Amino acid sequence: LPVEHGFPVRMVVPGLYGYVSACKWVT
């Protein structure tokens, strides 16, 4: 993952807008 896109780990969920699913830099 690029650092600005959540490195090292992020969430990706098909069908849901990012504000309810795509947590970047998730811990």
PDB file of all heavy atoms in Angstrom:
ATOM      1  N   LEU A   1       0.836  -1.209   0.000  1.00  0.00           N
ATOM      2  CA  LEU A   1       0.000   0.000   0.000  1.00  0.00           C
ATOM      3  C   LEU A   1       0.864   1.250   0.000  1.00  0.00           C
ATOM      4  O   LEU A   1       1.828   1.349   0.771  1.00  0.00           O
ATOM      5  CB  LEU A   1      -0.877   0.025   1.248  1.00  0.00           C
ATOM      6  CG  LEU A   1      -2.081  -0.905   1.315  1.00  0.00           C
ATOM      7  CD1 LEU A   1      -2.702  -0.808   2.703  1.00  0.00           C
ATOM      8  CD2 LEU A   1      -3.104  -0.553   0.253  1.00  0.00           C
ATOM      9  N   PRO A   2       0.562   2.241  -0.832  1.00  0.00           N
ATOM     10  CA  PRO A   2       1.236   3.540  -0.697  1.00  0.00           C
ATOM     11  C   PRO A   2       0.955   4.112   0.690  1.00  0.00           C
ATOM     12  O   PRO A   2      -0.118   3.876   1.271  1.00  0.00           O
ATOM     13  CB  PRO A   2       0.593   4.385  -1.795  1.00  0.00           C
ATOM     14  CG  PRO A   2       0.085   3.394  -2.797  1.00  0.00           C
ATOM     15  CD  PRO A   2      -0.352   2.208  -1.987  1.00  0.00           C
ATOM     16  N   VAL A   3       1.903   4.860   1.237  1.00  0.00           N
ATOM     17  CA  VAL A   3       1.738   5.414   2.578  1.00  0.00           C
ATOM     18  C   VAL A   3       0.485   6.265   2.653  1.00  0.00           C
ATOM     19  O   VAL A   3      -0.282   6.185   3.615  1.00  0.00           O
ATOM     20  CB  VAL A   3       2.981   6.237   2.972  1.00  0.00           C
ATOM     21  CG1 VAL A   3       2.784   6.872   4.339  1.00  0.00           C
ATOM     22  CG2 VAL A   3       4.222   5.356   2.966  1.00  0.00           C
ATOM     23  N   GLU A   4       0.227   7.077   1.607  1.00  0.00           N
ATOM     24  CA  GLU A   4      -0.941   7.955   1.642  1.00  0.00           C
ATOM     25  C   GLU A   4      -2.247   7.206   1.468  1.00  0.00           C
ATOM     26  O   GLU A   4      -3.332   7.765   1.693  1.00  0.00           O
ATOM     27  CB  GLU A   4      -0.819   9.037   0.565  1.00  0.00           C
ATOM     28  CG  GLU A   4      -0.827   8.533  -0.856  1.00  0.00           C
ATOM     29  CD  GLU A   4       0.565   8.175  -1.357  1.00  0.00           C
ATOM     30  OE1 GLU A   4       1.490   8.002  -0.525  1.00  0.00           O
ATOM     31  OE2 GLU A   4       0.742   8.073  -2.591  1.00  0.00           O
ATOM     32  N   HIS A   5      -2.180   5.944   1.078  1.00  0.00           N
ATOM     33  CA  HIS A   5      -3.393   5.142   0.934  1.00  0.00           C
ATOM     34  C   HIS A   5      -3.531   4.089   2.027  1.00  0.00           C
ATOM     35  O   HIS A   5      -4.284   3.133   1.880  1.00  0.00           O
ATOM     36  CB  HIS A   5      -3.445   4.486  -0.442  1.00  0.00           C
ATOM     37  CG  HIS A   5      -3.746   5.463  -1.544  1.00  0.00           C
ATOM     38  ND1 HIS A   5      -4.935   6.124  -1.639  1.00  0.00           N
ATOM     39  CD2 HIS A   5      -2.987   5.899  -2.584  1.00  0.00           C
ATOM     40  CE1 HIS A   5      -4.918   6.928  -2.691  1.00  0.00           C
ATOM     41  NE2 HIS A   5      -3.745   6.824  -3.276  1.00  0.00           N
ATOM     42  N   GLY A   6      -2.792   4.297   3.142  1.00  0.00           N
ATOM     43  CA  GLY A   6      -3.067   3.484   4.315  1.00  0.00           C
ATOM     44  C   GLY A   6      -1.995   2.527   4.773  1.00  0.00           C
ATOM     45  O   GLY A   6      -2.256   1.719   5.669  1.00  0.00           O
ATOM     46  N   PHE A   7      -0.794   2.558   4.183  1.00  0.00           N
ATOM     47  CA  PHE A   7       0.253   1.629   4.606  1.00  0.00           C
ATOM     48  C   PHE A   7       0.437   1.685   6.126  1.00  0.00           C
ATOM     49  O   PHE A   7       0.463   2.759   6.712  1.00  0.00           O
ATOM     50  CB  PHE A   7       1.583   1.988   3.922  1.00  0.00           C
ATOM     51  CG  PHE A   7       2.728   1.093   4.302  1.00  0.00           C
ATOM     52  CD1 PHE A   7       2.895  -0.134   3.673  1.00  0.00           C
ATOM     53  CD2 PHE A   7       3.616   1.464   5.291  1.00  0.00           C
ATOM     54  CE1 PHE A   7       3.948  -0.959   4.031  1.00  0.00           C
ATOM     55  CE2 PHE A   7       4.666   0.642   5.657  1.00  0.00           C
ATOM     56  CZ  PHE A   7       4.826  -0.573   5.021  1.00  0.00           C
ATOM     57  N   PRO A   8       0.526   0.522   6.777  1.00  0.00           N
ATOM     58  CA  PRO A   8       0.700  -0.804   6.182  1.00  0.00           C
ATOM     59  C   PRO A   8      -0.591  -1.558   5.859  1.00  0.00           C
ATOM     60  O   PRO A   8      -0.583  -2.466   5.046  1.00  0.00           O
ATOM     61  CB  PRO A   8       1.493  -1.554   7.252  1.00  0.00           C
ATOM     62  CG  PRO A   8       1.075  -0.909   8.541  1.00  0.00           C
ATOM     63  CD  PRO A   8       0.821   0.526   8.227  1.00  0.00           C
ATOM     64  N   VAL A   9      -1.722  -1.189   6.504  1.00  0.00           N
ATOM     65  CA  VAL A   9      -2.953  -1.974   6.333  1.00  0.00           C
ATOM     66  C   VAL A   9      -4.151  -1.032   6.303  1.00  0.00           C
ATOM     67  O   VAL A   9      -4.214  -0.066   7.081  1.00  0.00           O
ATOM     68  CB  VAL A   9      -3.140  -3.003   7.483  1.00  0.00           C
ATOM     69  CG1 VAL A   9      -4.380  -3.860   7.236  1.00  0.00           C
ATOM     70  CG2 VAL A   9      -1.905  -3.883   7.628  1.00  0.00           C
ATOM     71  N   ARG A  10      -5.098  -1.333   5.423  1.00  0.00           N
ATOM     72  CA  ARG A  10      -6.346  -0.583   5.353  1.00  0.00           C
ATOM     73  C   ARG A  10      -7.503  -1.531   5.091  1.00  0.00           C
ATOM     74  O   ARG A  10      -7.306  -2.708   4.743  1.00  0.00           O
ATOM     75  CB  ARG A  10      -6.298   0.462   4.237  1.00  0.00           C
ATOM     76  CG  ARG A  10      -6.281  -0.137   2.839  1.00  0.00           C
ATOM     77  CD  ARG A  10      -6.507   0.916   1.771  1.00  0.00           C
ATOM     78  NE  ARG A  10      -7.834   1.497   1.833  1.00  0.00           N
ATOM     79  CZ  ARG A  10      -8.186   2.604   1.190  1.00  0.00           C
ATOM     80  NH1 ARG A  10      -7.298   3.251   0.451  1.00  0.00           N
ATOM     81  NH2 ARG A  10      -9.415   3.057   1.288  1.00  0.00           N
ATOM     82  N   MET A  11      -8.712  -1.016   5.231  1.00  0.00           N
ATOM     83  CA  MET A  11      -9.916  -1.790   4.934  1.00  0.00           C
ATOM     84  C   MET A  11     -10.387  -1.489   3.518  1.00  0.00           C
ATOM     85  O   MET A  11     -10.317  -0.358   3.048  1.00  0.00           O
ATOM     86  CB  MET A  11     -11.029  -1.435   5.909  1.00  0.00           C
ATOM     87  CG  MET A  11     -10.839  -1.955   7.311  1.00  0.00           C
ATOM     88  SD  MET A  11     -11.449  -3.645   7.485  1.00  0.00           S
ATOM     89  CE  MET A  11     -13.230  -3.363   7.495  1.00  0.00           C
ATOM     90  N   VAL A  12     -10.890  -2.521   2.853  1.00  0.00           N
ATOM     91  CA  VAL A  12     -11.514  -2.399   1.535  1.00  0.00           C
ATOM     92  C   VAL A  12     -12.792  -3.229   1.565  1.00  0.00           C
ATOM     93  O   VAL A  12     -12.734  -4.441   1.794  1.00  0.00           O
ATOM     94  CB  VAL A  12     -10.582  -2.890   0.410  1.00  0.00           C
ATOM     95  CG1 VAL A  12     -11.323  -2.940  -0.923  1.00  0.00           C
ATOM     96  CG2 VAL A  12      -9.347  -1.998   0.295  1.00  0.00           C
ATOM     97  N   VAL A  13     -13.939  -2.585   1.356  1.00  0.00           N
ATOM     98  CA  VAL A  13     -15.221  -3.286   1.422  1.00  0.00           C
ATOM     99  C   VAL A  13     -16.030  -2.946   0.168  1.00  0.00           C
ATOM    100  O   VAL A  13     -16.441  -1.799  -0.009  1.00  0.00           O
ATOM    101  CB  VAL A  13     -16.026  -2.905   2.680  1.00  0.00           C
ATOM    102  CG1 VAL A  13     -17.314  -3.732   2.741  1.00  0.00           C
ATOM    103  CG2 VAL A  13     -15.192  -3.120   3.935  1.00  0.00           C
ATOM    104  N   PRO A  14     -16.279  -3.905  -0.719  1.00  0.00           N
ATOM    105  CA  PRO A  14     -17.069  -3.631  -1.921  1.00  0.00           C
ATOM    106  C   PRO A  14     -18.485  -3.180  -1.575  1.00  0.00           C
ATOM    107  O   PRO A  14     -19.125  -3.719  -0.666  1.00  0.00           O
ATOM    108  CB  PRO A  14     -17.091  -4.984  -2.647  1.00  0.00           C
ATOM    109  CG  PRO A  14     -15.941  -5.757  -2.089  1.00  0.00           C
ATOM    110  CD  PRO A  14     -15.806  -5.302  -0.675  1.00  0.00           C
ATOM    111  N   GLY A  15     -18.960  -2.185  -2.305  1.00  0.00           N
ATOM    112  CA  GLY A  15     -20.357  -1.780  -2.195  1.00  0.00           C
ATOM    113  C   GLY A  15     -20.669  -0.727  -1.170  1.00  0.00           C
ATOM    114  O   GLY A  15     -21.811  -0.258  -1.095  1.00  0.00           O
ATOM    115  N   LEU A  16     -19.687  -0.301  -0.353  1.00  0.00           N
ATOM    116  CA  LEU A  16     -19.932   0.712   0.671  1.00  0.00           C
ATOM    117  C   LEU A  16     -19.041   1.924   0.427  1.00  0.00           C
ATOM    118  O   LEU A  16     -17.869   1.777   0.059  1.00  0.00           O
ATOM    119  CB  LEU A  16     -19.651   0.161   2.073  1.00  0.00           C
ATOM    120  CG  LEU A  16     -20.458  -1.069   2.513  1.00  0.00           C
ATOM    121  CD1 LEU A  16     -20.076  -1.456   3.934  1.00  0.00           C
ATOM    122  CD2 LEU A  16     -21.954  -0.813   2.416  1.00  0.00           C
ATOM    123  N   TYR A  17     -19.603   3.098   0.637  1.00  0.00           N
ATOM    124  CA  TYR A  17     -18.794   4.308   0.536  1.00  0.00           C
ATOM    125  C   TYR A  17     -17.641   4.250   1.529  1.00  0.00           C
ATOM    126  O   TYR A  17     -17.730   3.628   2.591  1.00  0.00           O
ATOM    127  CB  TYR A  17     -19.635   5.554   0.807  1.00  0.00           C
ATOM    128  CG  TYR A  17     -20.564   5.946  -0.321  1.00  0.00           C
ATOM    129  CD1 TYR A  17     -21.946   5.977  -0.136  1.00  0.00           C
ATOM    130  CD2 TYR A  17     -20.058   6.291  -1.576  1.00  0.00           C
ATOM    131  CE1 TYR A  17     -22.801   6.356  -1.161  1.00  0.00           C
ATOM    132  CE2 TYR A  17     -20.913   6.663  -2.609  1.00  0.00           C
ATOM    133  CZ  TYR A  17     -22.277   6.690  -2.405  1.00  0.00           C
ATOM    134  OH  TYR A  17     -23.120   7.053  -3.423  1.00  0.00           O
ATOM    135  N   GLY A  18     -16.565   4.951   1.191  1.00  0.00           N
ATOM    136  CA  GLY A  18     -15.363   4.907   2.022  1.00  0.00           C
ATOM    137  C   GLY A  18     -15.562   5.392   3.429  1.00  0.00           C
ATOM    138  O   GLY A  18     -14.907   4.907   4.357  1.00  0.00           O
ATOM    139  N   TYR A  19     -16.485   6.334   3.638  1.00  0.00           N
ATOM    140  CA  TYR A  19     -16.622   6.912   4.980  1.00  0.00           C
ATOM    141  C   TYR A  19     -17.202   5.920   5.985  1.00  0.00           C
ATOM    142  O   TYR A  19     -17.143   6.159   7.197  1.00  0.00           O
ATOM    143  CB  TYR A  19     -17.474   8.189   4.923  1.00  0.00           C
ATOM    144  CG  TYR A  19     -18.972   8.002   4.960  1.00  0.00           C
ATOM    145  CD1 TYR A  19     -19.705   8.272   6.121  1.00  0.00           C
ATOM    146  CD2 TYR A  19     -19.679   7.577   3.841  1.00  0.00           C
ATOM    147  CE1 TYR A  19     -21.084   8.129   6.164  1.00  0.00           C
ATOM    148  CE2 TYR A  19     -21.054   7.427   3.860  1.00  0.00           C
ATOM    149  CZ  TYR A  19     -21.754   7.702   5.028  1.00  0.00           C
ATOM    150  OH  TYR A  19     -23.117   7.541   5.055  1.00  0.00           O
ATOM    151  N   VAL A  20     -17.776   4.809   5.514  1.00  0.00           N
ATOM    152  CA  VAL A  20     -18.287   3.791   6.430  1.00  0.00           C
ATOM    153  C   VAL A  20     -17.515   2.471   6.328  1.00  0.00           C
ATOM    154  O   VAL A  20     -17.931   1.484   6.927  1.00  0.00           O
ATOM    155  CB  VAL A  20     -19.790   3.508   6.184  1.00  0.00           C
ATOM    156  CG1 VAL A  20     -20.617   4.745   6.463  1.00  0.00           C
ATOM    157  CG2 VAL A  20     -20.038   2.996   4.777  1.00  0.00           C
ATOM    158  N   SER A  21     -16.394   2.475   5.599  1.00  0.00           N
ATOM    159  CA  SER A  21     -15.751   1.174   5.407  1.00  0.00           C
ATOM    160  C   SER A  21     -14.244   1.230   5.186  1.00  0.00           C
ATOM    161  O   SER A  21     -13.521   0.345   5.649  1.00  0.00           O
ATOM    162  CB  SER A  21     -16.389   0.447   4.216  1.00  0.00           C
ATOM    163  OG  SER A  21     -16.124   1.135   3.002  1.00  0.00           O
ATOM    164  N   ALA A  22     -13.754   2.217   4.469  1.00  0.00           N
ATOM    165  CA  ALA A  22     -12.379   2.168   3.965  1.00  0.00           C
ATOM    166  C   ALA A  22     -11.391   2.799   4.925  1.00  0.00           C
ATOM    167  O   ALA A  22     -10.711   3.779   4.601  1.00  0.00           O
ATOM    168  CB  ALA A  22     -12.307   2.842   2.597  1.00  0.00           C
ATOM    169  N   CYS A  23     -11.283   2.260   6.122  1.00  0.00           N
ATOM    170  CA  CYS A  23     -10.408   2.809   7.148  1.00  0.00           C
ATOM    171  C   CYS A  23      -8.944   2.600   6.764  1.00  0.00           C
ATOM    172  O   CYS A  23      -8.471   1.468   6.663  1.00  0.00           O
ATOM    173  CB  CYS A  23     -10.697   2.155   8.495  1.00  0.00           C
ATOM    174  SG  CYS A  23      -9.799   2.890   9.877  1.00  0.00           S
ATOM    175  N   LYS A  24      -8.218   3.703   6.579  1.00  0.00           N
ATOM    176  CA  LYS A  24      -6.786   3.636   6.287  1.00  0.00           C
ATOM    177  C   LYS A  24      -5.990   3.668   7.592  1.00  0.00           C
ATOM    178  O   LYS A  24      -6.470   4.159   8.616  1.00  0.00           O
ATOM    179  CB  LYS A  24      -6.382   4.802   5.382  1.00  0.00           C
ATOM    180  CG  LYS A  24      -6.956   4.697   3.985  1.00  0.00           C
ATOM    181  CD  LYS A  24      -6.524   5.832   3.083  1.00  0.00           C
ATOM    182  CE  LYS A  24      -7.360   7.057   3.293  1.00  0.00           C
ATOM    183  NZ  LYS A  24      -7.117   8.083   2.242  1.00  0.00           N
ATOM    184  N   TRP A  25      -4.755   3.117   7.534  1.00  0.00           N
ATOM    185  CA  TRP A  25      -3.881   3.057   8.708  1.00  0.00           C
ATOM    186  C   TRP A  25      -4.620   2.424   9.888  1.00  0.00           C
ATOM    187  O   TRP A  25      -4.503   2.848  11.046  1.00  0.00           O
ATOM    188  CB  TRP A  25      -3.385   4.462   9.082  1.00  0.00           C
ATOM    189  CG  TRP A  25      -2.876   5.235   7.912  1.00  0.00           C
ATOM    190  CD1 TRP A  25      -1.731   5.009   7.188  1.00  0.00           C
ATOM    191  CD2 TRP A  25      -3.518   6.365   7.294  1.00  0.00           C
ATOM    192  NE1 TRP A  25      -1.625   5.917   6.178  1.00  0.00           N
ATOM    193  CE2 TRP A  25      -2.702   6.758   6.204  1.00  0.00           C
ATOM    194  CE3 TRP A  25      -4.680   7.078   7.545  1.00  0.00           C
ATOM    195  CZ2 TRP A  25      -3.032   7.843   5.386  1.00  0.00           C
ATOM    196  CZ3 TRP A  25      -5.010   8.150   6.728  1.00  0.00           C
ATOM    197  CH2 TRP A  25      -4.192   8.520   5.666  1.00  0.00           C
ATOM    198  N   VAL A  26      -5.399   1.384   9.606  1.00  0.00           N
ATOM    199  CA  VAL A  26      -6.283   0.793  10.597  1.00  0.00           C
ATOM    200  C   VAL A  26      -5.485   0.067  11.672  1.00  0.00           C
ATOM    201  O   VAL A  26      -4.508  -0.632  11.384  1.00  0.00           O
ATOM    202  CB  VAL A  26      -7.294  -0.163   9.928  1.00  0.00           C
ATOM    203  CG1 VAL A  26      -6.598  -1.315   9.217  1.00  0.00           C
ATOM    204  CG2 VAL A  26      -8.309  -0.686  10.937  1.00  0.00           C
ATOM    205  N   THR A  27      -5.883   0.251  12.932  1.00  0.00           N
ATOM    206  CA  THR A  27      -5.233  -0.431  14.051  1.00  0.00           C
ATOM    207  C   THR A  27      -6.225  -1.166  14.949  1.00  0.00           C
ATOM    208  O   THR A  27      -5.795  -1.939  15.809  1.00  0.00           O
ATOM    209  CB  THR A  27      -4.448   0.567  14.927  1.00  0.00           C
ATOM    210  OG1 THR A  27      -5.346   1.567  15.422  1.00  0.00           O
ATOM    211  CG2 THR A  27      -3.332   1.226  14.136  1.00  0.00           C
TER     212      THR A  27
END
